[in-house]
Amino acid sequence: MNERNITQICLIITLIGIIFFILNYEEEYTEKTISEMTEKIGSKGIIIGKVDYVIKEEPLIFILQNEEKIKVFYPKKIEIKKDDIVEIFAETTEYNKEIELFAQKVIIK
């Protein structure tokens, strides 16, 4: 095989890989409700809701209210207070036999 054939083969394989990636791509975080998040441990999503109660400041633990209430754990320090509207990127976890959200990112609106 000469250099030109190898280059063409590499280009074709690269294009097939890119097309495969585009056809199979799914967003990791999509907007969901608390009910949708609590259906399965490990599900990821974006939830917008109101802070109902701050339990602990650092690490941050608070109750998020949307159509339901759920406990949210966020390991970083952030200043939030009751009635703040927040957008959280979170994953559903189970701790002490209770379903809660582990937030990767919290944005105050």
PDB file of N, CA and C in Angstrom:
ATOM      1  N   MET A   1       0.841  -1.185   0.000  1.00  0.00           N
ATOM      2  CA  MET A   1       0.000   0.000   0.000  1.00  0.00           C
ATOM      3  C   MET A   1       0.883   1.243   0.000  1.00  0.00           C
ATOM      4  N   ASN A   2       0.404   2.202  -0.763  1.00  0.00           N
ATOM      5  CA  ASN A   2       1.182   3.435  -0.767  1.00  0.00           C
ATOM      6  C   ASN A   2       0.566   4.436   0.208  1.00  0.00           C
ATOM      7  N   GLU A   3       1.237   5.539   0.330  1.00  0.00           N
ATOM      8  CA  GLU A   3       0.836   6.557   1.299  1.00  0.00           C
ATOM      9  C   GLU A   3      -0.546   7.129   0.999  1.00  0.00           C
ATOM     10  N   ARG A   4      -0.878   7.283  -0.256  1.00  0.00           N
ATOM     11  CA  ARG A   4      -2.168   7.850  -0.662  1.00  0.00           C
ATOM     12  C   ARG A   4      -3.318   6.939  -0.228  1.00  0.00           C
ATOM     13  N   ASN A   5      -3.178   5.639  -0.381  1.00  0.00           N
ATOM     14  CA  ASN A   5      -4.222   4.697   0.019  1.00  0.00           C
ATOM     15  C   ASN A   5      -4.429   4.710   1.532  1.00  0.00           C
ATOM     16  N   ILE A   6      -3.366   4.755   2.282  1.00  0.00           N
ATOM     17  CA  ILE A   6      -3.451   4.784   3.746  1.00  0.00           C
ATOM     18  C   ILE A   6      -4.153   6.063   4.200  1.00  0.00           C
ATOM     19  N   THR A   7      -3.849   7.189   3.576  1.00  0.00           N
ATOM     20  CA  THR A   7      -4.494   8.460   3.906  1.00  0.00           C
ATOM     21  C   THR A   7      -5.994   8.391   3.612  1.00  0.00           C
ATOM     22  N   GLN A   8      -6.379   7.814   2.492  1.00  0.00           N
ATOM     23  CA  GLN A   8      -7.787   7.694   2.140  1.00  0.00           C
ATOM     24  C   GLN A   8      -8.530   6.786   3.119  1.00  0.00           C
ATOM     25  N   ILE A   9      -7.913   5.688   3.504  1.00  0.00           N
ATOM     26  CA  ILE A   9      -8.527   4.767   4.467  1.00  0.00           C
ATOM     27  C   ILE A   9      -8.731   5.468   5.816  1.00  0.00           C
ATOM     28  N   CYS A  10      -7.724   6.190   6.264  1.00  0.00           N
ATOM     29  CA  CYS A  10      -7.832   6.924   7.546  1.00  0.00           C
ATOM     30  C   CYS A  10      -8.939   7.976   7.479  1.00  0.00           C
ATOM     31  N   LEU A  11      -9.049   8.678   6.355  1.00  0.00           N
ATOM     32  CA  LEU A  11     -10.087   9.694   6.190  1.00  0.00           C
ATOM     33  C   LEU A  11     -11.478   9.065   6.203  1.00  0.00           C
ATOM     34  N   ILE A  12     -11.648   7.949   5.543  1.00  0.00           N
ATOM     35  CA  ILE A  12     -12.942   7.253   5.515  1.00  0.00           C
ATOM     36  C   ILE A  12     -13.324   6.762   6.907  1.00  0.00           C
ATOM     37  N   ILE A  13     -12.392   6.178   7.623  1.00  0.00           N
ATOM     38  CA  ILE A  13     -12.663   5.692   8.988  1.00  0.00           C
ATOM     39  C   ILE A  13     -13.035   6.860   9.903  1.00  0.00           C
ATOM     40  N   THR A  14     -12.350   7.987   9.763  1.00  0.00           N
ATOM     41  CA  THR A  14     -12.647   9.168  10.569  1.00  0.00           C
ATOM     42  C   THR A  14     -14.054   9.682  10.282  1.00  0.00           C
ATOM     43  N   LEU A  15     -14.417   9.768   9.018  1.00  0.00           N
ATOM     44  CA  LEU A  15     -15.756  10.242   8.650  1.00  0.00           C
ATOM     45  C   LEU A  15     -16.843   9.307   9.159  1.00  0.00           C
ATOM     46  N   ILE A  16     -16.627   7.999   9.076  1.00  0.00           N
ATOM     47  CA  ILE A  16     -17.591   7.030   9.599  1.00  0.00           C
ATOM     48  C   ILE A  16     -17.751   7.210  11.106  1.00  0.00           C
ATOM     49  N   GLY A  17     -16.646   7.428  11.806  1.00  0.00           N
ATOM     50  CA  GLY A  17     -16.695   7.655  13.255  1.00  0.00           C
ATOM     51  C   GLY A  17     -17.464   8.909  13.618  1.00  0.00           C
ATOM     52  N   ILE A  18     -17.249   9.990  12.867  1.00  0.00           N
ATOM     53  CA  ILE A  18     -17.955  11.245  13.133  1.00  0.00           C
ATOM     54  C   ILE A  18     -19.455  11.081  12.882  1.00  0.00           C
ATOM     55  N   ILE A  19     -19.816  10.436  11.798  1.00  0.00           N
ATOM     56  CA  ILE A  19     -21.238  10.206  11.493  1.00  0.00           C
ATOM     57  C   ILE A  19     -21.884   9.345  12.574  1.00  0.00           C
ATOM     58  N   PHE A  20     -21.201   8.291  13.010  1.00  0.00           N
ATOM     59  CA  PHE A  20     -21.709   7.424  14.069  1.00  0.00           C
ATOM     60  C   PHE A  20     -21.926   8.213  15.357  1.00  0.00           C
ATOM     61  N   PHE A  21     -20.971   9.077  15.706  1.00  0.00           N
ATOM     62  CA  PHE A  21     -21.077   9.898  16.909  1.00  0.00           C
ATOM     63  C   PHE A  21     -22.282  10.828  16.829  1.00  0.00           C
ATOM     64  N   ILE A  22     -22.457  11.497  15.697  1.00  0.00           N
ATOM     65  CA  ILE A  22     -23.569  12.448  15.535  1.00  0.00           C
ATOM     66  C   ILE A  22     -24.915  11.733  15.647  1.00  0.00           C
ATOM     67  N   LEU A  23     -25.025  10.556  15.057  1.00  0.00           N
ATOM     68  CA  LEU A  23     -26.294   9.826  15.082  1.00  0.00           C
ATOM     69  C   LEU A  23     -26.636   9.274  16.467  1.00  0.00           C
ATOM     70  N   ASN A  24     -25.641   8.993  17.290  1.00  0.00           N
ATOM     71  CA  ASN A  24     -25.872   8.369  18.591  1.00  0.00           C
ATOM     72  C   ASN A  24     -25.704   9.303  19.783  1.00  0.00           C
ATOM     73  N   TYR A  25     -25.467  10.587  19.547  1.00  0.00           N
ATOM     74  CA  TYR A  25     -25.216  11.528  20.639  1.00  0.00           C
ATOM     75  C   TYR A  25     -26.501  11.827  21.406  1.00  0.00           C
ATOM     76  N   GLU A  26     -26.415  11.770  22.722  1.00  0.00           N
ATOM     77  CA  GLU A  26     -27.508  12.172  23.603  1.00  0.00           C
ATOM     78  C   GLU A  26     -26.946  13.105  24.664  1.00  0.00           C
ATOM     79  N   GLU A  27     -27.704  14.149  24.978  1.00  0.00           N
ATOM     80  CA  GLU A  27     -27.254  15.058  26.018  1.00  0.00           C
ATOM     81  C   GLU A  27     -27.263  14.354  27.366  1.00  0.00           C
ATOM     82  N   GLU A  28     -26.246  14.626  28.161  1.00  0.00           N
ATOM     83  CA  GLU A  28     -26.161  13.987  29.468  1.00  0.00           C
ATOM     84  C   GLU A  28     -27.191  14.572  30.439  1.00  0.00           C
ATOM     85  N   TYR A  29     -27.356  15.878  30.405  1.00  0.00           N
ATOM     86  CA  TYR A  29     -28.298  16.549  31.295  1.00  0.00           C
ATOM     87  C   TYR A  29     -29.406  17.197  30.465  1.00  0.00           C
ATOM     88  N   THR A  30     -30.645  16.789  30.713  1.00  0.00           N
ATOM     89  CA  THR A  30     -31.803  17.411  30.083  1.00  0.00           C
ATOM     90  C   THR A  30     -32.755  17.843  31.195  1.00  0.00           C
ATOM     91  N   GLU A  31     -33.595  18.815  30.895  1.00  0.00           N
ATOM     92  CA  GLU A  31     -34.505  19.324  31.917  1.00  0.00           C
ATOM     93  C   GLU A  31     -35.542  18.261  32.281  1.00  0.00           C
ATOM     94  N   LYS A  32     -35.685  18.019  33.585  1.00  0.00           N
ATOM     95  CA  LYS A  32     -36.603  17.002  34.097  1.00  0.00           C
ATOM     96  C   LYS A  32     -37.328  17.534  35.318  1.00  0.00           C
ATOM     97  N   THR A  33     -38.356  16.800  35.728  1.00  0.00           N
ATOM     98  CA  THR A  33     -39.056  17.113  36.971  1.00  0.00           C
ATOM     99  C   THR A  33     -38.473  16.235  38.079  1.00  0.00           C
ATOM    100  N   ILE A  34     -38.820  16.549  39.303  1.00  0.00           N
ATOM    101  CA  ILE A  34     -38.356  15.736  40.426  1.00  0.00           C
ATOM    102  C   ILE A  34     -38.896  14.315  40.302  1.00  0.00           C
ATOM    103  N   SER A  35     -40.137  14.179  39.874  1.00  0.00           N
ATOM    104  CA  SER A  35     -40.736  12.847  39.701  1.00  0.00           C
ATOM    105  C   SER A  35     -39.947  12.010  38.703  1.00  0.00           C
ATOM    106  N   GLU A  36     -39.567  12.618  37.581  1.00  0.00           N
ATOM    107  CA  GLU A  36     -38.787  11.895  36.569  1.00  0.00           C
ATOM    108  C   GLU A  36     -37.419  11.508  37.101  1.00  0.00           C
ATOM    109  N   MET A  37     -36.821  12.380  37.896  1.00  0.00           N
ATOM    110  CA  MET A  37     -35.484  12.100  38.440  1.00  0.00           C
ATOM    111  C   MET A  37     -35.518  10.960  39.453  1.00  0.00           C
ATOM    112  N   THR A  38     -36.575  10.883  40.252  1.00  0.00           N
ATOM    113  CA  THR A  38     -36.617   9.883  41.324  1.00  0.00           C
ATOM    114  C   THR A  38     -37.055   8.506  40.852  1.00  0.00           C
ATOM    115  N   GLU A  39     -37.403   8.371  39.575  1.00  0.00           N
ATOM    116  CA  GLU A  39     -37.805   7.066  39.044  1.00  0.00           C
ATOM    117  C   GLU A  39     -36.658   6.065  39.040  1.00  0.00           C
ATOM    118  N   LYS A  40     -35.430   6.548  38.853  1.00  0.00           N
ATOM    119  CA  LYS A  40     -34.290   5.649  38.720  1.00  0.00           C
ATOM    120  C   LYS A  40     -33.056   6.258  39.376  1.00  0.00           C
ATOM    121  N   ILE A  41     -32.413   5.489  40.253  1.00  0.00           N
ATOM    122  CA  ILE A  41     -31.169   5.935  40.875  1.00  0.00           C
ATOM    123  C   ILE A  41     -30.111   6.042  39.776  1.00  0.00           C
ATOM    124  N   GLY A  42     -29.381   7.146  39.774  1.00  0.00           N
ATOM    125  CA  GLY A  42     -28.336   7.355  38.782  1.00  0.00           C
ATOM    126  C   GLY A  42     -28.776   8.191  37.598  1.00  0.00           C
ATOM    127  N   SER A  43     -30.058   8.548  37.535  1.00  0.00           N
ATOM    128  CA  SER A  43     -30.490   9.376  36.411  1.00  0.00           C
ATOM    129  C   SER A  43     -29.982  10.804  36.608  1.00  0.00           C
ATOM    130  N   LYS A  44     -29.667  11.455  35.489  1.00  0.00           N
ATOM    131  CA  LYS A  44     -29.125  12.812  35.531  1.00  0.00           C
ATOM    132  C   LYS A  44     -30.095  13.764  34.863  1.00  0.00           C
ATOM    133  N   GLY A  45     -30.132  14.995  35.362  1.00  0.00           N
ATOM    134  CA  GLY A  45     -31.029  15.970  34.773  1.00  0.00           C
ATOM    135  C   GLY A  45     -30.821  17.360  35.330  1.00  0.00           C
ATOM    136  N   ILE A  46     -31.566  18.283  34.753  1.00  0.00           N
ATOM    137  CA  ILE A  46     -31.566  19.682  35.185  1.00  0.00           C
ATOM    138  C   ILE A  46     -32.932  19.960  35.798  1.00  0.00           C
ATOM    139  N   ILE A  47     -32.934  20.511  37.000  1.00  0.00           N
ATOM    140  CA  ILE A  47     -34.186  20.851  37.679  1.00  0.00           C
ATOM    141  C   ILE A  47     -34.134  22.313  38.085  1.00  0.00           C
ATOM    142  N   ILE A  48     -35.209  23.017  37.807  1.00  0.00           N
ATOM    143  CA  ILE A  48     -35.349  24.404  38.249  1.00  0.00           C
ATOM    144  C   ILE A  48     -36.416  24.415  39.333  1.00  0.00           C
ATOM    145  N   GLY A  49     -36.083  25.006  40.454  1.00  0.00           N
ATOM    146  CA  GLY A  49     -37.031  25.037  41.554  1.00  0.00           C
ATOM    147  C   GLY A  49     -36.677  26.106  42.566  1.00  0.00           C
ATOM    148  N   LYS A  50     -37.477  26.164  43.609  1.00  0.00           N
ATOM    149  CA  LYS A  50     -37.308  27.152  44.673  1.00  0.00           C
ATOM    150  C   LYS A  50     -36.740  26.470  45.908  1.00  0.00           C
ATOM    151  N   VAL A  51     -35.775  27.120  46.537  1.00  0.00           N
ATOM    152  CA  VAL A  51     -35.198  26.601  47.778  1.00  0.00           C
ATOM    153  C   VAL A  51     -36.243  26.755  48.874  1.00  0.00           C
ATOM    154  N   ASP A  52     -36.643  25.630  49.446  1.00  0.00           N
ATOM    155  CA  ASP A  52     -37.664  25.645  50.487  1.00  0.00           C
ATOM    156  C   ASP A  52     -37.048  25.797  51.874  1.00  0.00           C
ATOM    157  N   TYR A  53     -35.861  25.209  52.055  1.00  0.00           N
ATOM    158  CA  TYR A  53     -35.252  25.215  53.374  1.00  0.00           C
ATOM    159  C   TYR A  53     -33.776  24.859  53.233  1.00  0.00           C
ATOM    160  N   VAL A  54     -32.885  25.615  53.884  1.00  0.00           N
ATOM    161  CA  VAL A  54     -31.460  25.304  53.898  1.00  0.00           C
ATOM    162  C   VAL A  54     -31.161  24.562  55.191  1.00  0.00           C
ATOM    163  N   ILE A  55     -30.707  23.316  55.057  1.00  0.00           N
ATOM    164  CA  ILE A  55     -30.444  22.479  56.227  1.00  0.00           C
ATOM    165  C   ILE A  55     -29.046  22.737  56.784  1.00  0.00           C
ATOM    166  N   LYS A  56     -28.069  22.809  55.893  1.00  0.00           N
ATOM    167  CA  LYS A  56     -26.678  22.953  56.310  1.00  0.00           C
ATOM    168  C   LYS A  56     -25.951  23.829  55.299  1.00  0.00           C
ATOM    169  N   GLU A  57     -25.071  24.698  55.777  1.00  0.00           N
ATOM    170  CA  GLU A  57     -24.380  25.646  54.908  1.00  0.00           C
ATOM    171  C   GLU A  57     -23.204  25.031  54.145  1.00  0.00           C
ATOM    172  N   GLU A  58     -22.365  24.244  54.834  1.00  0.00           N
ATOM    173  CA  GLU A  58     -21.171  23.701  54.171  1.00  0.00           C
ATOM    174  C   GLU A  58     -20.873  22.306  54.670  1.00  0.00           C
ATOM    175  N   PRO A  59     -20.879  21.275  53.886  1.00  0.00           N
ATOM    176  CA  PRO A  59     -21.337  21.266  52.505  1.00  0.00           C
ATOM    177  C   PRO A  59     -22.821  21.597  52.461  1.00  0.00           C
ATOM    178  N   LEU A  60     -23.241  22.174  51.370  1.00  0.00           N
ATOM    179  CA  LEU A  60     -24.602  22.684  51.249  1.00  0.00           C
ATOM    180  C   LEU A  60     -25.610  21.548  51.114  1.00  0.00           C
ATOM    181  N   ILE A  61     -26.602  21.553  51.977  1.00  0.00           N
ATOM    182  CA  ILE A  61     -27.725  20.620  51.893  1.00  0.00           C
ATOM    183  C   ILE A  61     -28.993  21.455  52.019  1.00  0.00           C
ATOM    184  N   PHE A  62     -29.889  21.319  51.038  1.00  0.00           N
ATOM    185  CA  PHE A  62     -31.118  22.093  51.074  1.00  0.00           C
ATOM    186  C   PHE A  62     -32.264  21.295  50.476  1.00  0.00           C
ATOM    187  N   ILE A  63     -33.477  21.761  50.736  1.00  0.00           N
ATOM    188  CA  ILE A  63     -34.690  21.149  50.197  1.00  0.00           C
ATOM    189  C   ILE A  63     -35.124  21.979  48.993  1.00  0.00           C
ATOM    190  N   LEU A  64     -35.281  21.298  47.856  1.00  0.00           N
ATOM    191  CA  LEU A  64     -35.718  21.955  46.631  1.00  0.00           C
ATOM    192  C   LEU A  64     -37.187  21.639  46.405  1.00  0.00           C
ATOM    193  N   GLN A  65     -37.948  22.674  46.081  1.00  0.00           N
ATOM    194  CA  GLN A  65     -39.377  22.491  45.836  1.00  0.00           C
ATOM    195  C   GLN A  65     -39.677  22.841  44.384  1.00  0.00           C
ATOM    196  N   ASN A  66     -40.283  21.898  43.694  1.00  0.00           N
ATOM    197  CA  ASN A  66     -40.758  22.111  42.329  1.00  0.00           C
ATOM    198  C   ASN A  66     -42.223  21.708  42.400  1.00  0.00           C
ATOM    199  N   GLU A  67     -42.622  20.616  41.815  1.00  0.00           N
ATOM    200  CA  GLU A  67     -43.962  20.077  42.065  1.00  0.00           C
ATOM    201  C   GLU A  67     -43.927  19.193  43.309  1.00  0.00           C
ATOM    202  N   GLU A  68     -42.758  18.759  43.702  1.00  0.00           N
ATOM    203  CA  GLU A  68     -42.527  17.966  44.912  1.00  0.00           C
ATOM    204  C   GLU A  68     -41.334  18.562  45.643  1.00  0.00           C
ATOM    205  N   LYS A  69     -40.971  17.956  46.755  1.00  0.00           N
ATOM    206  CA  LYS A  69     -39.788  18.391  47.495  1.00  0.00           C
ATOM    207  C   LYS A  69     -38.770  17.266  47.500  1.00  0.00           C
ATOM    208  N   ILE A  70     -37.482  17.645  47.455  1.00  0.00           N
ATOM    209  CA  ILE A  70     -36.411  16.660  47.518  1.00  0.00           C
ATOM    210  C   ILE A  70     -35.184  17.303  48.149  1.00  0.00           C
ATOM    211  N   LYS A  71     -34.409  16.494  48.867  1.00  0.00           N
ATOM    212  CA  LYS A  71     -33.186  16.970  49.501  1.00  0.00           C
ATOM    213  C   LYS A  71     -32.075  16.996  48.456  1.00  0.00           C
ATOM    214  N   VAL A  72     -31.293  18.079  48.463  1.00  0.00           N
ATOM    215  CA  VAL A  72     -30.192  18.253  47.513  1.00  0.00           C
ATOM    216  C   VAL A  72     -28.895  18.418  48.290  1.00  0.00           C
ATOM    217  N   PHE A  73     -27.870  17.681  47.880  1.00  0.00           N
ATOM    218  CA  PHE A  73     -26.540  17.791  48.468  1.00  0.00           C
ATOM    219  C   PHE A  73     -25.620  18.421  47.433  1.00  0.00           C
ATOM    220  N   TYR A  74     -24.913  19.479  47.828  1.00  0.00           N
ATOM    221  CA  TYR A  74     -23.950  20.151  46.945  1.00  0.00           C
ATOM    222  C   TYR A  74     -22.672  20.351  47.743  1.00  0.00           C
ATOM    223  N   PRO A  75     -21.552  19.712  47.345  1.00  0.00           N
ATOM    224  CA  PRO A  75     -20.344  19.724  48.165  1.00  0.00           C
ATOM    225  C   PRO A  75     -19.577  21.044  48.175  1.00  0.00           C
ATOM    226  N   LYS A  76     -19.933  21.981  47.326  1.00  0.00           N
ATOM    227  CA  LYS A  76     -19.198  23.249  47.262  1.00  0.00           C
ATOM    228  C   LYS A  76     -19.933  24.331  48.031  1.00  0.00           C
ATOM    229  N   LYS A  77     -19.198  25.369  48.387  1.00  0.00           N
ATOM    230  CA  LYS A  77     -19.800  26.484  49.134  1.00  0.00           C
ATOM    231  C   LYS A  77     -20.450  27.455  48.156  1.00  0.00           C
ATOM    232  N   ILE A  78     -21.690  27.806  48.431  1.00  0.00           N
ATOM    233  CA  ILE A  78     -22.423  28.789  47.636  1.00  0.00           C
ATOM    234  C   ILE A  78     -23.434  29.455  48.570  1.00  0.00           C
ATOM    235  N   GLU A  79     -23.660  30.724  48.362  1.00  0.00           N
ATOM    236  CA  GLU A  79     -24.586  31.477  49.203  1.00  0.00           C
ATOM    237  C   GLU A  79     -26.000  31.383  48.636  1.00  0.00           C
ATOM    238  N   ILE A  80     -26.829  30.546  49.227  1.00  0.00           N
ATOM    239  CA  ILE A  80     -28.243  30.522  48.850  1.00  0.00           C
ATOM    240  C   ILE A  80     -29.078  30.671  50.112  1.00  0.00           C
ATOM    241  N   LYS A  81     -30.299  31.099  49.897  1.00  0.00           N
ATOM    242  CA  LYS A  81     -31.208  31.269  51.031  1.00  0.00           C
ATOM    243  C   LYS A  81     -32.607  30.833  50.623  1.00  0.00           C
ATOM    244  N   LYS A  82     -33.466  30.742  51.586  1.00  0.00           N
ATOM    245  CA  LYS A  82     -34.851  30.327  51.354  1.00  0.00           C
ATOM    246  C   LYS A  82     -35.479  31.216  50.283  1.00  0.00           C
ATOM    247  N   ASP A  83     -36.268  30.605  49.417  1.00  0.00           N
ATOM    248  CA  ASP A  83     -37.017  31.255  48.338  1.00  0.00           C
ATOM    249  C   ASP A  83     -36.165  31.653  47.127  1.00  0.00           C
ATOM    250  N   ASP A  84     -34.855  31.333  47.121  1.00  0.00           N
ATOM    251  CA  ASP A  84     -34.057  31.549  45.915  1.00  0.00           C
ATOM    252  C   ASP A  84     -34.519  30.566  44.842  1.00  0.00           C
ATOM    253  N   ILE A  85     -34.551  31.007  43.602  1.00  0.00           N
ATOM    254  CA  ILE A  85     -34.831  30.133  42.473  1.00  0.00           C
ATOM    255  C   ILE A  85     -33.478  29.640  41.964  1.00  0.00           C
ATOM    256  N   VAL A  86     -33.333  28.325  41.877  1.00  0.00           N
ATOM    257  CA  VAL A  86     -32.063  27.745  41.454  1.00  0.00           C
ATOM    258  C   VAL A  86     -32.265  26.757  40.311  1.00  0.00           C
ATOM    259  N   GLU A  87     -31.221  26.620  39.517  1.00  0.00           N
ATOM    260  CA  GLU A  87     -31.174  25.605  38.468  1.00  0.00           C
ATOM    261  C   GLU A  87     -30.048  24.668  38.871  1.00  0.00           C
ATOM    262  N   ILE A  88     -30.364  23.381  39.014  1.00  0.00           N
ATOM    263  CA  ILE A  88     -29.334  22.438  39.439  1.00  0.00           C
ATOM    264  C   ILE A  88     -29.133  21.353  38.389  1.00  0.00           C
ATOM    265  N   PHE A  89     -27.877  20.998  38.198  1.00  0.00           N
ATOM    266  CA  PHE A  89     -27.493  19.872  37.360  1.00  0.00           C
ATOM    267  C   PHE A  89     -27.160  18.766  38.350  1.00  0.00           C
ATOM    268  N   ALA A  90     -27.966  17.707  38.381  1.00  0.00           N
ATOM    269  CA  ALA A  90     -27.844  16.741  39.468  1.00  0.00           C
ATOM    270  C   ALA A  90     -28.021  15.311  39.000  1.00  0.00           C
ATOM    271  N   GLU A  91     -27.620  14.408  39.902  1.00  0.00           N
ATOM    272  CA  GLU A  91     -27.788  12.971  39.702  1.00  0.00           C
ATOM    273  C   GLU A  91     -28.531  12.421  40.907  1.00  0.00           C
ATOM    274  N   THR A  92     -29.460  11.500  40.665  1.00  0.00           N
ATOM    275  CA  THR A  92     -30.242  10.896  41.736  1.00  0.00           C
ATOM    276  C   THR A  92     -29.388   9.868  42.471  1.00  0.00           C
ATOM    277  N   THR A  93     -29.347   9.971  43.797  1.00  0.00           N
ATOM    278  CA  THR A  93     -28.606   9.028  44.621  1.00  0.00           C
ATOM    279  C   THR A  93     -29.490   8.566  45.777  1.00  0.00           C
ATOM    280  N   GLU A  94     -29.005   7.553  46.479  1.00  0.00           N
ATOM    281  CA  GLU A  94     -29.713   7.073  47.667  1.00  0.00           C
ATOM    282  C   GLU A  94     -28.745   7.151  48.839  1.00  0.00           C
ATOM    283  N   TYR A  95     -29.178   7.775  49.931  1.00  0.00           N
ATOM    284  CA  TYR A  95     -28.354   7.922  51.118  1.00  0.00           C
ATOM    285  C   TYR A  95     -29.238   7.656  52.325  1.00  0.00           C
ATOM    286  N   ASN A  96     -28.830   6.732  53.182  1.00  0.00           N
ATOM    287  CA  ASN A  96     -29.613   6.332  54.355  1.00  0.00           C
ATOM    288  C   ASN A  96     -31.045   5.946  53.975  1.00  0.00           C
ATOM    289  N   LYS A  97     -31.176   5.175  52.910  1.00  0.00           N
ATOM    290  CA  LYS A  97     -32.463   4.684  52.401  1.00  0.00           C
ATOM    291  C   LYS A  97     -33.414   5.808  51.993  1.00  0.00           C
ATOM    292  N   GLU A  98     -32.855   6.964  51.644  1.00  0.00           N
ATOM    293  CA  GLU A  98     -33.651   8.111  51.225  1.00  0.00           C
ATOM    294  C   GLU A  98     -33.118   8.601  49.881  1.00  0.00           C
ATOM    295  N   ILE A  99     -34.008   8.842  48.939  1.00  0.00           N
ATOM    296  CA  ILE A  99     -33.602   9.325  47.620  1.00  0.00           C
ATOM    297  C   ILE A  99     -33.348  10.824  47.707  1.00  0.00           C
ATOM    298  N   GLU A 100     -32.183  11.243  47.193  1.00  0.00           N
ATOM    299  CA  GLU A 100     -31.832  12.654  47.165  1.00  0.00           C
ATOM    300  C   GLU A 100     -31.051  12.960  45.905  1.00  0.00           C
ATOM    301  N   LEU A 101     -30.783  14.232  45.680  1.00  0.00           N
ATOM    302  CA  LEU A 101     -30.041  14.643  44.498  1.00  0.00           C
ATOM    303  C   LEU A 101     -28.633  15.082  44.900  1.00  0.00           C
ATOM    304  N   PHE A 102     -27.655  14.613  44.142  1.00  0.00           N
ATOM    305  CA  PHE A 102     -26.272  15.065  44.305  1.00  0.00           C
ATOM    306  C   PHE A 102     -26.018  16.073  43.193  1.00  0.00           C
ATOM    307  N   ALA A 103     -25.906  17.340  43.553  1.00  0.00           N
ATOM    308  CA  ALA A 103     -25.771  18.405  42.551  1.00  0.00           C
ATOM    309  C   ALA A 103     -24.324  18.524  42.091  1.00  0.00           C
ATOM    310  N   GLN A 104     -24.143  18.585  40.772  1.00  0.00           N
ATOM    311  CA  GLN A 104     -22.834  18.820  40.181  1.00  0.00           C
ATOM    312  C   GLN A 104     -22.600  20.329  40.019  1.00  0.00           C
ATOM    313  N   LYS A 105     -23.707  21.057  39.802  1.00  0.00           N
ATOM    314  CA  LYS A 105     -23.628  22.495  39.569  1.00  0.00           C
ATOM    315  C   LYS A 105     -24.933  23.126  40.048  1.00  0.00           C
ATOM    316  N   VAL A 106     -24.843  24.272  40.718  1.00  0.00           N
ATOM    317  CA  VAL A 106     -26.010  25.016  41.184  1.00  0.00           C
ATOM    318  C   VAL A 106     -25.890  26.456  40.677  1.00  0.00           C
ATOM    319  N   ILE A 107     -26.926  26.914  39.970  1.00  0.00           N
ATOM    320  CA  ILE A 107     -26.958  28.279  39.447  1.00  0.00           C
ATOM    321  C   ILE A 107     -28.128  29.006  40.083  1.00  0.00           C
ATOM    322  N   ILE A 108     -27.859  30.132  40.714  1.00  0.00           N
ATOM    323  CA  ILE A 108     -28.915  30.943  41.318  1.00  0.00           C
ATOM    324  C   ILE A 108     -29.482  31.836  40.224  1.00  0.00           C
ATOM    325  N   LYS A 109     -30.800  31.800  40.059  1.00  0.00           N
ATOM    326  CA  LYS A 109     -31.461  32.605  39.006  1.00  0.00           C
ATOM    327  C   LYS A 109     -31.853  33.959  39.521  1.00  0.00           C
TER     328      LYS A 109
END
